[in-house]
Amino acid sequence: MFTLSQSNKGFTLLELLIVITIIGLLAALSVVALDESRERSRNVALLSQMDEYQKALELSFTNTGVYPHPNTGSIRSRILCIGDGLSEGPPPDDCMGGITRTYVAANSAVIENAFTNILNILPRMSQPKGTFNYSSPAYSGCSSDAAVPIPTSNTSCTELDYSLWYLIEGPNESCGSGQVANSNLSNEYTLCRLQSK
C-alpha cells in the first residue's frame, strides 16, 4: 500500500521579506532614474528655447541696430523677468529669486515688445525643483567679461549690450552655448547667461 506524502513547500517569511525589499529597491531606483530623465529633458528644452531667444535678439538688432533695453541708469542693469507670467512680487518671488529685481511693467514692456515683434509667444520655462519654484528666462541690458550676476565696473550697459539669464536644473551643469554665471545656485541650479558678443 502506498502513502502519499504531502509536501508543504512555500516561501518562508524571511524569503518573502527579501523579495519585497528587492522589489522596493528596484521601484525606488526606477523613480530616481525617471526623475533624472525628466530633469535632463527640461534642461534640453530650455537650452533650445534660449537659443531661440538669442536668435530673436540678433534679429531685433539686425532690424533696429540696437538690442532691446530698458530705460537708462540703474533700471538697465536690473535683471528683469520676461515671458509668460511676469512676476510682480519682490524677490524671492521673481522668476529666479533674489538675483532678479521687482518687475517694473513700464520698463519690462520695452523688452517684451521687442521680443513679441519677432516671436509670437514668449514661453516661460517652469523649473520646480527642491525648495524653489523658479522659471526662466530673465533679461538685462548689460554685458560683462565677468561671469557674475551683479553688474560691476567692467560691465557695459549700452544699446549694444544684453544678458539673457536662465537656470539649468542641477548644480555644475553645462550652459550649452551660454556661460556659467553661478555653478551652484541654491544647491539646486546652475545660473547661466547668453550675452552680446
N, C-alpha and C. Protein backbone atom coordinates (compact mmCIF):
# COMPACT_ATOMS: atom_id res chain seq x y z
N MET A 1 0.83 -1.18 0.00
CA MET A 1 0.00 0.00 0.00
C MET A 1 0.88 1.24 0.00
N PHE A 2 0.42 2.09 -0.76
CA PHE A 2 1.22 3.28 -0.86
C PHE A 2 0.61 4.53 -0.18
N THR A 3 1.50 5.29 0.41
CA THR A 3 1.05 6.53 1.08
C THR A 3 1.52 7.77 0.29
N LEU A 4 0.62 8.65 0.22
CA LEU A 4 1.00 9.91 -0.45
C LEU A 4 1.59 10.84 0.61
N SER A 5 2.77 11.27 0.35
CA SER A 5 3.35 12.22 1.29
C SER A 5 3.06 13.63 0.78
N GLN A 6 2.57 14.42 1.67
CA GLN A 6 2.23 15.78 1.29
C GLN A 6 3.37 16.70 1.66
N SER A 7 3.80 17.48 0.65
CA SER A 7 4.89 18.42 0.90
C SER A 7 4.31 19.83 0.94
N ASN A 8 4.48 20.50 2.03
CA ASN A 8 4.01 21.87 2.19
C ASN A 8 5.15 22.85 1.95
N LYS A 9 5.64 22.83 0.73
CA LYS A 9 6.73 23.76 0.43
C LYS A 9 6.16 25.10 0.03
N GLY A 10 6.73 26.14 0.56
CA GLY A 10 6.32 27.51 0.24
C GLY A 10 7.42 28.47 0.66
N PHE A 11 7.15 29.74 0.51
CA PHE A 11 8.13 30.74 0.92
C PHE A 11 8.08 30.93 2.42
N THR A 12 9.24 31.05 2.99
CA THR A 12 9.30 31.40 4.41
C THR A 12 9.11 32.90 4.54
N LEU A 13 8.84 33.33 5.74
CA LEU A 13 8.66 34.76 5.99
C LEU A 13 9.91 35.54 5.61
N LEU A 14 11.06 35.01 5.90
CA LEU A 14 12.33 35.67 5.57
C LEU A 14 12.48 35.83 4.06
N GLU A 15 12.14 34.77 3.32
CA GLU A 15 12.25 34.86 1.85
C GLU A 15 11.29 35.91 1.29
N LEU A 16 10.08 35.95 1.84
CA LEU A 16 9.11 36.96 1.39
C LEU A 16 9.61 38.37 1.66
N LEU A 17 10.18 38.57 2.84
CA LEU A 17 10.72 39.90 3.18
C LEU A 17 11.85 40.30 2.24
N ILE A 18 12.71 39.36 1.88
CA ILE A 18 13.82 39.65 0.96
C ILE A 18 13.28 40.03 -0.41
N VAL A 19 12.27 39.30 -0.91
CA VAL A 19 11.67 39.60 -2.22
C VAL A 19 11.01 40.98 -2.20
N ILE A 20 10.28 41.28 -1.14
CA ILE A 20 9.62 42.59 -1.03
C ILE A 20 10.65 43.72 -0.98
N THR A 21 11.74 43.50 -0.25
CA THR A 21 12.80 44.50 -0.18
C THR A 21 13.42 44.75 -1.54
N ILE A 22 13.69 43.68 -2.29
CA ILE A 22 14.29 43.82 -3.62
C ILE A 22 13.34 44.57 -4.56
N ILE A 23 12.06 44.24 -4.51
CA ILE A 23 11.08 44.94 -5.35
C ILE A 23 11.02 46.42 -4.99
N GLY A 24 11.06 46.72 -3.69
CA GLY A 24 11.05 48.11 -3.24
C GLY A 24 12.26 48.89 -3.73
N LEU A 25 13.45 48.26 -3.65
CA LEU A 25 14.67 48.91 -4.13
C LEU A 25 14.61 49.17 -5.63
N LEU A 26 14.13 48.20 -6.40
CA LEU A 26 14.01 48.38 -7.85
C LEU A 26 13.03 49.51 -8.19
N ALA A 27 11.93 49.57 -7.46
CA ALA A 27 10.94 50.64 -7.70
C ALA A 27 11.54 52.01 -7.38
N ALA A 28 12.29 52.10 -6.27
CA ALA A 28 12.93 53.38 -5.90
C ALA A 28 13.94 53.81 -6.95
N LEU A 29 14.75 52.86 -7.45
CA LEU A 29 15.73 53.19 -8.48
C LEU A 29 15.05 53.64 -9.77
N SER A 30 13.92 53.05 -10.10
CA SER A 30 13.18 53.45 -11.30
C SER A 30 12.67 54.87 -11.18
N VAL A 31 12.16 55.23 -10.01
CA VAL A 31 11.65 56.59 -9.78
C VAL A 31 12.78 57.60 -9.90
N VAL A 32 13.94 57.31 -9.31
CA VAL A 32 15.09 58.22 -9.39
C VAL A 32 15.54 58.39 -10.84
N ALA A 33 15.62 57.29 -11.57
CA ALA A 33 16.03 57.35 -12.98
C ALA A 33 15.03 58.16 -13.80
N LEU A 34 13.74 58.00 -13.51
CA LEU A 34 12.71 58.74 -14.23
C LEU A 34 12.82 60.23 -13.93
N ASP A 35 13.04 60.59 -12.66
CA ASP A 35 13.20 62.00 -12.29
C ASP A 35 14.40 62.62 -12.98
N GLU A 36 15.52 61.90 -13.03
CA GLU A 36 16.71 62.42 -13.70
C GLU A 36 16.47 62.58 -15.19
N SER A 37 15.74 61.67 -15.78
CA SER A 37 15.42 61.75 -17.20
C SER A 37 14.54 62.96 -17.49
N ARG A 38 13.57 63.21 -16.63
CA ARG A 38 12.69 64.38 -16.80
C ARG A 38 13.48 65.67 -16.65
N GLU A 39 14.39 65.71 -15.68
CA GLU A 39 15.22 66.90 -15.47
C GLU A 39 16.08 67.17 -16.70
N ARG A 40 16.72 66.13 -17.23
CA ARG A 40 17.54 66.29 -18.45
C ARG A 40 16.69 66.80 -19.60
N SER A 41 15.50 66.26 -19.72
CA SER A 41 14.59 66.66 -20.79
C SER A 41 14.21 68.14 -20.67
N ARG A 42 13.90 68.58 -19.45
CA ARG A 42 13.57 70.00 -19.23
C ARG A 42 14.76 70.88 -19.56
N ASN A 43 15.97 70.45 -19.18
CA ASN A 43 17.17 71.25 -19.45
C ASN A 43 17.44 71.37 -20.95
N VAL A 44 17.26 70.27 -21.68
CA VAL A 44 17.47 70.30 -23.13
C VAL A 44 16.46 71.25 -23.78
N ALA A 45 15.20 71.17 -23.35
CA ALA A 45 14.16 72.06 -23.90
C ALA A 45 14.49 73.51 -23.60
N LEU A 46 14.97 73.78 -22.39
CA LEU A 46 15.32 75.15 -22.01
C LEU A 46 16.47 75.68 -22.85
N LEU A 47 17.52 74.88 -23.03
CA LEU A 47 18.67 75.32 -23.84
C LEU A 47 18.23 75.64 -25.26
N SER A 48 17.36 74.82 -25.80
CA SER A 48 16.85 75.07 -27.15
C SER A 48 16.07 76.39 -27.19
N GLN A 49 15.24 76.62 -26.16
CA GLN A 49 14.45 77.84 -26.11
C GLN A 49 15.34 79.08 -25.98
N MET A 50 16.39 78.98 -25.18
CA MET A 50 17.29 80.14 -25.02
C MET A 50 18.02 80.46 -26.32
N ASP A 51 18.36 79.43 -27.09
CA ASP A 51 18.96 79.68 -28.41
C ASP A 51 17.99 80.44 -29.30
N GLU A 52 16.69 80.11 -29.20
CA GLU A 52 15.69 80.82 -30.00
C GLU A 52 15.58 82.28 -29.54
N TYR A 53 15.62 82.50 -28.23
CA TYR A 53 15.58 83.86 -27.72
C TYR A 53 16.78 84.66 -28.23
N GLN A 54 17.95 84.04 -28.22
CA GLN A 54 19.13 84.76 -28.70
C GLN A 54 19.01 85.09 -30.19
N LYS A 55 18.48 84.16 -30.95
CA LYS A 55 18.25 84.44 -32.38
C LYS A 55 17.30 85.62 -32.54
N ALA A 56 16.27 85.67 -31.69
CA ALA A 56 15.33 86.79 -31.74
C ALA A 56 16.03 88.10 -31.43
N LEU A 57 16.92 88.07 -30.46
CA LEU A 57 17.68 89.28 -30.11
C LEU A 57 18.56 89.74 -31.27
N GLU A 58 19.23 88.79 -31.91
CA GLU A 58 20.10 89.15 -33.03
C GLU A 58 19.29 89.68 -34.21
N LEU A 59 18.11 89.09 -34.43
CA LEU A 59 17.24 89.58 -35.50
C LEU A 59 16.74 90.99 -35.19
N SER A 60 16.40 91.21 -33.92
CA SER A 60 15.99 92.54 -33.49
C SER A 60 17.10 93.55 -33.72
N PHE A 61 18.34 93.15 -33.43
CA PHE A 61 19.49 94.03 -33.64
C PHE A 61 19.68 94.33 -35.13
N THR A 62 19.50 93.30 -35.96
CA THR A 62 19.63 93.49 -37.41
C THR A 62 18.60 94.49 -37.92
N ASN A 63 17.39 94.42 -37.36
CA ASN A 63 16.31 95.31 -37.81
C ASN A 63 16.42 96.73 -37.28
N THR A 64 16.93 96.87 -36.07
CA THR A 64 16.89 98.19 -35.41
C THR A 64 18.25 98.80 -35.13
N GLY A 65 19.31 97.99 -35.14
CA GLY A 65 20.64 98.50 -34.82
C GLY A 65 20.93 98.55 -33.34
N VAL A 66 19.97 98.15 -32.52
CA VAL A 66 20.18 98.11 -31.06
C VAL A 66 19.52 96.85 -30.52
N TYR A 67 19.95 96.43 -29.32
CA TYR A 67 19.29 95.35 -28.62
C TYR A 67 18.18 95.93 -27.75
N PRO A 68 17.14 95.15 -27.47
CA PRO A 68 16.09 95.65 -26.56
C PRO A 68 16.72 96.04 -25.22
N HIS A 69 16.32 97.18 -24.70
CA HIS A 69 16.90 97.60 -23.42
C HIS A 69 15.88 98.43 -22.65
N PRO A 70 15.88 98.28 -21.35
CA PRO A 70 15.03 99.14 -20.53
C PRO A 70 15.61 100.55 -20.47
N ASN A 71 15.00 101.39 -19.67
CA ASN A 71 15.46 102.77 -19.57
C ASN A 71 16.89 102.85 -19.06
N THR A 72 17.47 104.02 -19.18
CA THR A 72 18.86 104.21 -18.76
C THR A 72 19.00 104.15 -17.25
N GLY A 73 20.24 104.15 -16.81
CA GLY A 73 20.52 104.16 -15.38
C GLY A 73 20.41 102.78 -14.77
N SER A 74 20.04 102.76 -13.50
CA SER A 74 20.06 101.50 -12.76
C SER A 74 19.02 100.51 -13.28
N ILE A 75 17.95 101.02 -13.90
CA ILE A 75 16.93 100.11 -14.43
C ILE A 75 17.54 99.20 -15.48
N ARG A 76 18.44 99.74 -16.31
CA ARG A 76 19.01 98.94 -17.40
C ARG A 76 19.80 97.75 -16.85
N SER A 77 20.46 97.94 -15.73
CA SER A 77 21.29 96.86 -15.19
C SER A 77 20.49 95.84 -14.40
N ARG A 78 19.22 96.11 -14.15
CA ARG A 78 18.41 95.14 -13.42
C ARG A 78 18.18 93.90 -14.25
N ILE A 79 18.09 92.78 -13.56
CA ILE A 79 17.76 91.53 -14.23
C ILE A 79 16.25 91.35 -14.11
N LEU A 80 15.55 91.48 -15.24
CA LEU A 80 14.10 91.52 -15.25
C LEU A 80 13.52 90.25 -15.84
N CYS A 81 12.48 89.73 -15.22
CA CYS A 81 11.81 88.54 -15.74
C CYS A 81 11.09 88.89 -17.04
N ILE A 82 11.19 88.01 -18.02
CA ILE A 82 10.45 88.20 -19.27
C ILE A 82 9.67 86.94 -19.57
N GLY A 83 8.75 87.03 -20.52
CA GLY A 83 7.97 85.86 -20.91
C GLY A 83 6.64 85.79 -20.21
N ASP A 84 5.96 84.65 -20.37
CA ASP A 84 4.65 84.45 -19.75
C ASP A 84 4.75 84.57 -18.24
N GLY A 85 3.68 85.04 -17.64
CA GLY A 85 3.61 85.05 -16.19
C GLY A 85 4.63 85.94 -15.54
N LEU A 86 4.77 87.17 -16.04
CA LEU A 86 5.74 88.09 -15.45
C LEU A 86 5.45 88.26 -13.97
N SER A 87 6.52 88.25 -13.19
CA SER A 87 6.37 88.34 -11.74
C SER A 87 6.25 89.79 -11.33
N GLU A 88 5.33 90.06 -10.40
CA GLU A 88 5.18 91.42 -9.91
C GLU A 88 5.59 91.54 -8.44
N GLY A 89 6.02 90.45 -7.85
CA GLY A 89 6.38 90.48 -6.44
C GLY A 89 7.86 90.76 -6.24
N PRO A 90 8.23 91.16 -5.03
CA PRO A 90 9.66 91.38 -4.73
C PRO A 90 10.38 90.05 -4.61
N PRO A 91 11.71 90.03 -4.75
CA PRO A 91 12.46 88.79 -4.54
C PRO A 91 12.15 88.23 -3.16
N PRO A 92 12.08 86.93 -2.95
CA PRO A 92 12.43 85.88 -3.91
C PRO A 92 11.27 85.39 -4.76
N ASP A 93 10.22 86.21 -4.98
CA ASP A 93 9.08 85.77 -5.75
C ASP A 93 9.25 86.00 -7.24
N ASP A 94 10.33 86.64 -7.65
CA ASP A 94 10.59 86.82 -9.06
C ASP A 94 10.98 85.49 -9.69
N CYS A 95 11.15 85.47 -11.00
CA CYS A 95 11.35 84.21 -11.71
C CYS A 95 12.58 83.45 -11.22
N MET A 96 13.64 84.15 -10.84
CA MET A 96 14.87 83.49 -10.41
C MET A 96 15.27 83.88 -8.99
N GLY A 97 14.28 84.25 -8.21
CA GLY A 97 14.58 84.55 -6.83
C GLY A 97 15.34 85.86 -6.66
N GLY A 98 16.29 85.87 -5.73
CA GLY A 98 16.97 87.09 -5.32
C GLY A 98 17.83 87.75 -6.37
N ILE A 99 18.20 87.04 -7.48
CA ILE A 99 19.04 87.71 -8.47
C ILE A 99 18.24 88.63 -9.37
N THR A 100 16.91 88.42 -9.44
CA THR A 100 16.08 89.29 -10.28
C THR A 100 15.48 90.38 -9.42
N ARG A 101 15.11 91.46 -10.07
CA ARG A 101 14.54 92.60 -9.36
C ARG A 101 13.02 92.59 -9.55
N THR A 102 12.36 93.47 -8.80
CA THR A 102 10.92 93.59 -8.92
C THR A 102 10.56 93.93 -10.36
N TYR A 103 9.56 93.26 -10.87
CA TYR A 103 9.10 93.51 -12.23
C TYR A 103 8.52 94.91 -12.33
N VAL A 104 9.06 95.68 -13.27
CA VAL A 104 8.59 97.05 -13.48
C VAL A 104 7.98 97.09 -14.87
N ALA A 105 6.66 97.12 -14.93
CA ALA A 105 5.97 96.96 -16.21
C ALA A 105 6.42 97.98 -17.25
N ALA A 106 6.59 99.23 -16.85
CA ALA A 106 6.92 100.28 -17.82
C ALA A 106 8.26 100.01 -18.50
N ASN A 107 9.18 99.43 -17.77
CA ASN A 107 10.50 99.17 -18.35
C ASN A 107 10.57 97.81 -19.01
N SER A 108 9.95 96.80 -18.41
CA SER A 108 9.99 95.47 -18.99
C SER A 108 9.22 95.42 -20.30
N ALA A 109 8.22 96.29 -20.45
CA ALA A 109 7.43 96.29 -21.67
C ALA A 109 8.29 96.59 -22.89
N VAL A 110 9.31 97.40 -22.74
CA VAL A 110 10.22 97.69 -23.86
C VAL A 110 10.85 96.41 -24.36
N ILE A 111 11.32 95.58 -23.42
CA ILE A 111 11.95 94.31 -23.77
C ILE A 111 10.90 93.36 -24.32
N GLU A 112 9.78 93.27 -23.63
CA GLU A 112 8.71 92.36 -24.03
C GLU A 112 8.25 92.65 -25.45
N ASN A 113 8.03 93.92 -25.77
CA ASN A 113 7.55 94.28 -27.10
C ASN A 113 8.58 93.94 -28.17
N ALA A 114 9.86 94.13 -27.86
CA ALA A 114 10.89 93.81 -28.84
C ALA A 114 10.90 92.32 -29.16
N PHE A 115 10.67 91.49 -28.15
CA PHE A 115 10.62 90.05 -28.39
C PHE A 115 9.35 89.67 -29.14
N THR A 116 8.21 90.22 -28.75
CA THR A 116 6.95 89.80 -29.36
C THR A 116 6.86 90.24 -30.82
N ASN A 117 7.64 91.22 -31.22
CA ASN A 117 7.68 91.58 -32.63
C ASN A 117 8.28 90.45 -33.46
N ILE A 118 9.08 89.60 -32.83
CA ILE A 118 9.76 88.52 -33.55
C ILE A 118 9.14 87.16 -33.23
N LEU A 119 8.84 86.93 -31.97
CA LEU A 119 8.25 85.66 -31.55
C LEU A 119 6.79 85.88 -31.18
N ASN A 120 5.92 85.00 -31.64
CA ASN A 120 4.50 85.15 -31.31
C ASN A 120 4.23 84.88 -29.83
N ILE A 121 4.95 83.92 -29.28
CA ILE A 121 4.73 83.53 -27.89
C ILE A 121 6.06 83.58 -27.15
N LEU A 122 6.02 84.10 -25.95
CA LEU A 122 7.22 84.11 -25.11
C LEU A 122 7.02 83.11 -23.99
N PRO A 123 7.38 81.86 -24.19
CA PRO A 123 7.15 80.89 -23.12
C PRO A 123 8.10 81.08 -21.95
N ARG A 124 7.58 80.87 -20.78
CA ARG A 124 8.42 80.84 -19.59
C ARG A 124 8.56 79.38 -19.19
N MET A 125 9.80 78.95 -18.98
CA MET A 125 10.06 77.56 -18.65
C MET A 125 9.99 77.39 -17.13
N SER A 126 8.97 76.68 -16.65
CA SER A 126 8.84 76.44 -15.22
C SER A 126 9.85 75.39 -14.78
N GLN A 127 10.50 75.64 -13.64
CA GLN A 127 11.53 74.73 -13.15
C GLN A 127 11.31 74.43 -11.67
N PRO A 128 10.30 73.61 -11.37
CA PRO A 128 10.01 73.32 -9.97
C PRO A 128 10.97 72.28 -9.42
N LYS A 129 11.96 72.72 -8.70
CA LYS A 129 12.96 71.79 -8.18
C LYS A 129 13.22 72.09 -6.71
N GLY A 130 13.15 71.08 -5.88
CA GLY A 130 13.53 71.24 -4.47
C GLY A 130 12.71 72.29 -3.77
N THR A 131 13.41 73.21 -3.09
CA THR A 131 12.73 74.20 -2.28
C THR A 131 12.22 75.39 -3.06
N PHE A 132 12.65 75.55 -4.31
CA PHE A 132 12.29 76.73 -5.08
C PHE A 132 11.44 76.35 -6.28
N ASN A 133 10.66 77.30 -6.75
CA ASN A 133 9.88 77.10 -7.96
C ASN A 133 10.26 78.22 -8.92
N TYR A 134 11.45 78.13 -9.46
CA TYR A 134 11.95 79.16 -10.34
C TYR A 134 11.43 78.96 -11.75
N SER A 135 11.69 79.95 -12.60
CA SER A 135 11.42 79.81 -14.03
C SER A 135 12.40 80.70 -14.78
N SER A 136 12.58 80.41 -16.06
CA SER A 136 13.49 81.17 -16.90
C SER A 136 12.67 81.66 -18.10
N PRO A 137 13.10 82.72 -18.77
CA PRO A 137 14.35 83.46 -18.62
C PRO A 137 14.17 84.82 -17.95
N ALA A 138 15.29 85.52 -17.85
CA ALA A 138 15.30 86.92 -17.40
C ALA A 138 16.26 87.67 -18.32
N TYR A 139 16.25 88.99 -18.23
CA TYR A 139 16.98 89.80 -19.21
C TYR A 139 17.55 91.04 -18.52
N SER A 140 18.73 91.45 -18.94
CA SER A 140 19.25 92.76 -18.53
C SER A 140 19.93 93.41 -19.73
N GLY A 141 20.01 94.72 -19.69
CA GLY A 141 20.59 95.48 -20.80
C GLY A 141 22.08 95.69 -20.64
N CYS A 142 22.77 94.78 -19.99
CA CYS A 142 24.21 94.91 -19.76
C CYS A 142 24.92 93.62 -20.16
N SER A 143 26.20 93.74 -20.45
CA SER A 143 27.04 92.56 -20.65
C SER A 143 28.37 92.81 -19.95
N SER A 144 29.11 91.75 -19.71
CA SER A 144 30.35 91.88 -18.96
C SER A 144 31.25 90.70 -19.26
N ASP A 145 32.56 90.92 -19.08
CA ASP A 145 33.51 89.81 -19.17
C ASP A 145 33.45 88.94 -17.93
N ALA A 146 33.01 89.53 -16.83
CA ALA A 146 32.96 88.79 -15.57
C ALA A 146 31.67 87.97 -15.51
N ALA A 147 31.79 86.72 -15.14
CA ALA A 147 30.61 85.85 -15.04
C ALA A 147 29.95 86.02 -13.68
N VAL A 148 29.41 87.20 -13.46
CA VAL A 148 28.74 87.48 -12.18
C VAL A 148 27.37 88.06 -12.47
N PRO A 149 26.39 87.80 -11.61
CA PRO A 149 25.06 88.30 -11.87
C PRO A 149 24.88 89.79 -11.57
N ILE A 150 25.76 90.39 -10.79
CA ILE A 150 25.61 91.79 -10.43
C ILE A 150 26.54 92.63 -11.31
N PRO A 151 26.01 93.66 -11.99
CA PRO A 151 26.88 94.49 -12.81
C PRO A 151 27.99 95.13 -11.98
N THR A 152 29.19 95.13 -12.53
CA THR A 152 30.35 95.70 -11.85
C THR A 152 30.98 96.76 -12.74
N SER A 153 32.12 97.28 -12.33
CA SER A 153 32.77 98.36 -13.07
C SER A 153 33.19 97.94 -14.47
N ASN A 154 33.41 96.64 -14.69
CA ASN A 154 33.80 96.20 -16.03
C ASN A 154 32.58 95.72 -16.83
N THR A 155 31.41 96.24 -16.48
CA THR A 155 30.18 95.90 -17.18
C THR A 155 29.83 97.02 -18.15
N SER A 156 29.40 96.63 -19.33
CA SER A 156 28.97 97.60 -20.34
C SER A 156 27.45 97.57 -20.43
N CYS A 157 26.82 98.74 -20.34
CA CYS A 157 25.36 98.84 -20.39
C CYS A 157 24.96 99.87 -21.44
N THR A 158 24.99 99.48 -22.68
CA THR A 158 24.60 100.37 -23.78
C THR A 158 23.54 99.66 -24.63
N GLU A 159 23.11 100.30 -25.70
CA GLU A 159 22.14 99.69 -26.61
C GLU A 159 22.75 98.52 -27.36
N LEU A 160 24.07 98.31 -27.23
CA LEU A 160 24.75 97.21 -27.91
C LEU A 160 25.02 96.04 -26.96
N ASP A 161 24.39 96.07 -25.78
CA ASP A 161 24.64 95.05 -24.76
C ASP A 161 23.35 94.39 -24.30
N TYR A 162 23.47 93.14 -23.93
CA TYR A 162 22.38 92.45 -23.24
C TYR A 162 22.95 91.21 -22.55
N SER A 163 22.22 90.71 -21.58
CA SER A 163 22.46 89.40 -20.99
C SER A 163 21.11 88.71 -20.86
N LEU A 164 21.04 87.49 -21.34
CA LEU A 164 19.85 86.67 -21.23
C LEU A 164 20.15 85.59 -20.20
N TRP A 165 19.46 85.64 -19.06
CA TRP A 165 19.73 84.78 -17.92
C TRP A 165 18.78 83.59 -17.90
N TYR A 166 19.28 82.43 -17.54
CA TYR A 166 18.43 81.25 -17.42
C TYR A 166 19.05 80.27 -16.43
N LEU A 167 18.20 79.35 -15.96
CA LEU A 167 18.61 78.37 -14.96
C LEU A 167 18.56 76.96 -15.54
N ILE A 168 19.61 76.20 -15.29
CA ILE A 168 19.64 74.79 -15.62
C ILE A 168 19.49 74.01 -14.32
N GLU A 169 18.61 73.04 -14.31
CA GLU A 169 18.38 72.26 -13.09
C GLU A 169 19.60 71.41 -12.76
N GLY A 170 20.03 71.49 -11.51
CA GLY A 170 21.18 70.74 -11.04
C GLY A 170 22.42 71.63 -11.00
N PRO A 171 23.25 71.47 -9.97
CA PRO A 171 24.49 72.25 -9.89
C PRO A 171 25.53 71.72 -10.87
N ASN A 172 26.45 72.60 -11.29
CA ASN A 172 27.59 72.24 -12.15
C ASN A 172 27.15 71.60 -13.46
N GLU A 173 26.10 72.13 -14.06
CA GLU A 173 25.61 71.62 -15.34
C GLU A 173 26.15 72.48 -16.48
N SER A 174 26.08 71.97 -17.69
CA SER A 174 26.51 72.71 -18.88
C SER A 174 25.46 73.76 -19.23
N CYS A 175 25.91 74.93 -19.67
CA CYS A 175 25.02 76.01 -20.07
C CYS A 175 24.80 76.03 -21.57
N GLY A 176 25.17 74.99 -22.26
CA GLY A 176 25.01 74.97 -23.71
C GLY A 176 25.90 76.02 -24.35
N SER A 177 25.31 76.89 -25.16
CA SER A 177 26.11 77.94 -25.81
C SER A 177 26.32 79.15 -24.90
N GLY A 178 25.72 79.13 -23.72
CA GLY A 178 25.91 80.23 -22.77
C GLY A 178 27.09 79.98 -21.85
N GLN A 179 27.30 80.91 -20.93
CA GLN A 179 28.39 80.76 -19.97
C GLN A 179 27.83 80.61 -18.56
N VAL A 180 28.59 79.96 -17.71
CA VAL A 180 28.17 79.75 -16.33
C VAL A 180 28.40 81.03 -15.53
N ALA A 181 27.33 81.52 -14.90
CA ALA A 181 27.46 82.68 -14.02
C ALA A 181 27.55 82.25 -12.56
N ASN A 182 26.90 81.17 -12.22
CA ASN A 182 26.98 80.60 -10.87
C ASN A 182 26.73 79.11 -11.00
N SER A 183 27.74 78.30 -10.69
CA SER A 183 27.63 76.86 -10.93
C SER A 183 26.81 76.14 -9.86
N ASN A 184 26.46 76.84 -8.77
CA ASN A 184 25.71 76.17 -7.71
C ASN A 184 24.80 77.17 -7.02
N LEU A 185 23.69 77.48 -7.67
CA LEU A 185 22.72 78.42 -7.12
C LEU A 185 21.73 77.65 -6.25
N SER A 186 21.68 77.96 -4.98
CA SER A 186 20.76 77.32 -4.03
C SER A 186 20.96 75.82 -3.95
N ASN A 187 22.15 75.33 -4.30
CA ASN A 187 22.45 73.89 -4.31
C ASN A 187 21.53 73.09 -5.23
N GLU A 188 20.82 73.76 -6.14
CA GLU A 188 19.85 73.07 -6.99
C GLU A 188 19.91 73.47 -8.47
N TYR A 189 20.58 74.57 -8.78
CA TYR A 189 20.57 75.08 -10.14
C TYR A 189 21.97 75.54 -10.57
N THR A 190 22.15 75.64 -11.89
CA THR A 190 23.28 76.34 -12.48
C THR A 190 22.72 77.58 -13.14
N LEU A 191 23.24 78.76 -12.76
CA LEU A 191 22.81 80.01 -13.35
C LEU A 191 23.65 80.28 -14.59
N CYS A 192 23.00 80.50 -15.73
CA CYS A 192 23.69 80.68 -17.00
C CYS A 192 23.29 82.01 -17.63
N ARG A 193 24.09 82.44 -18.60
CA ARG A 193 23.67 83.59 -19.39
C ARG A 193 24.26 83.56 -20.79
N LEU A 194 23.47 84.05 -21.71
CA LEU A 194 23.91 84.35 -23.05
C LEU A 194 24.02 85.87 -23.11
N GLN A 195 25.05 86.38 -23.76
CA GLN A 195 25.16 87.83 -23.82
C GLN A 195 25.68 88.28 -25.17
N SER A 196 25.55 89.58 -25.40
CA SER A 196 26.05 90.16 -26.64
C SER A 196 27.54 89.92 -26.74
N LYS A 197 27.99 89.76 -27.95
CA LYS A 197 29.42 89.44 -28.17
C LYS A 197 30.29 90.65 -27.90
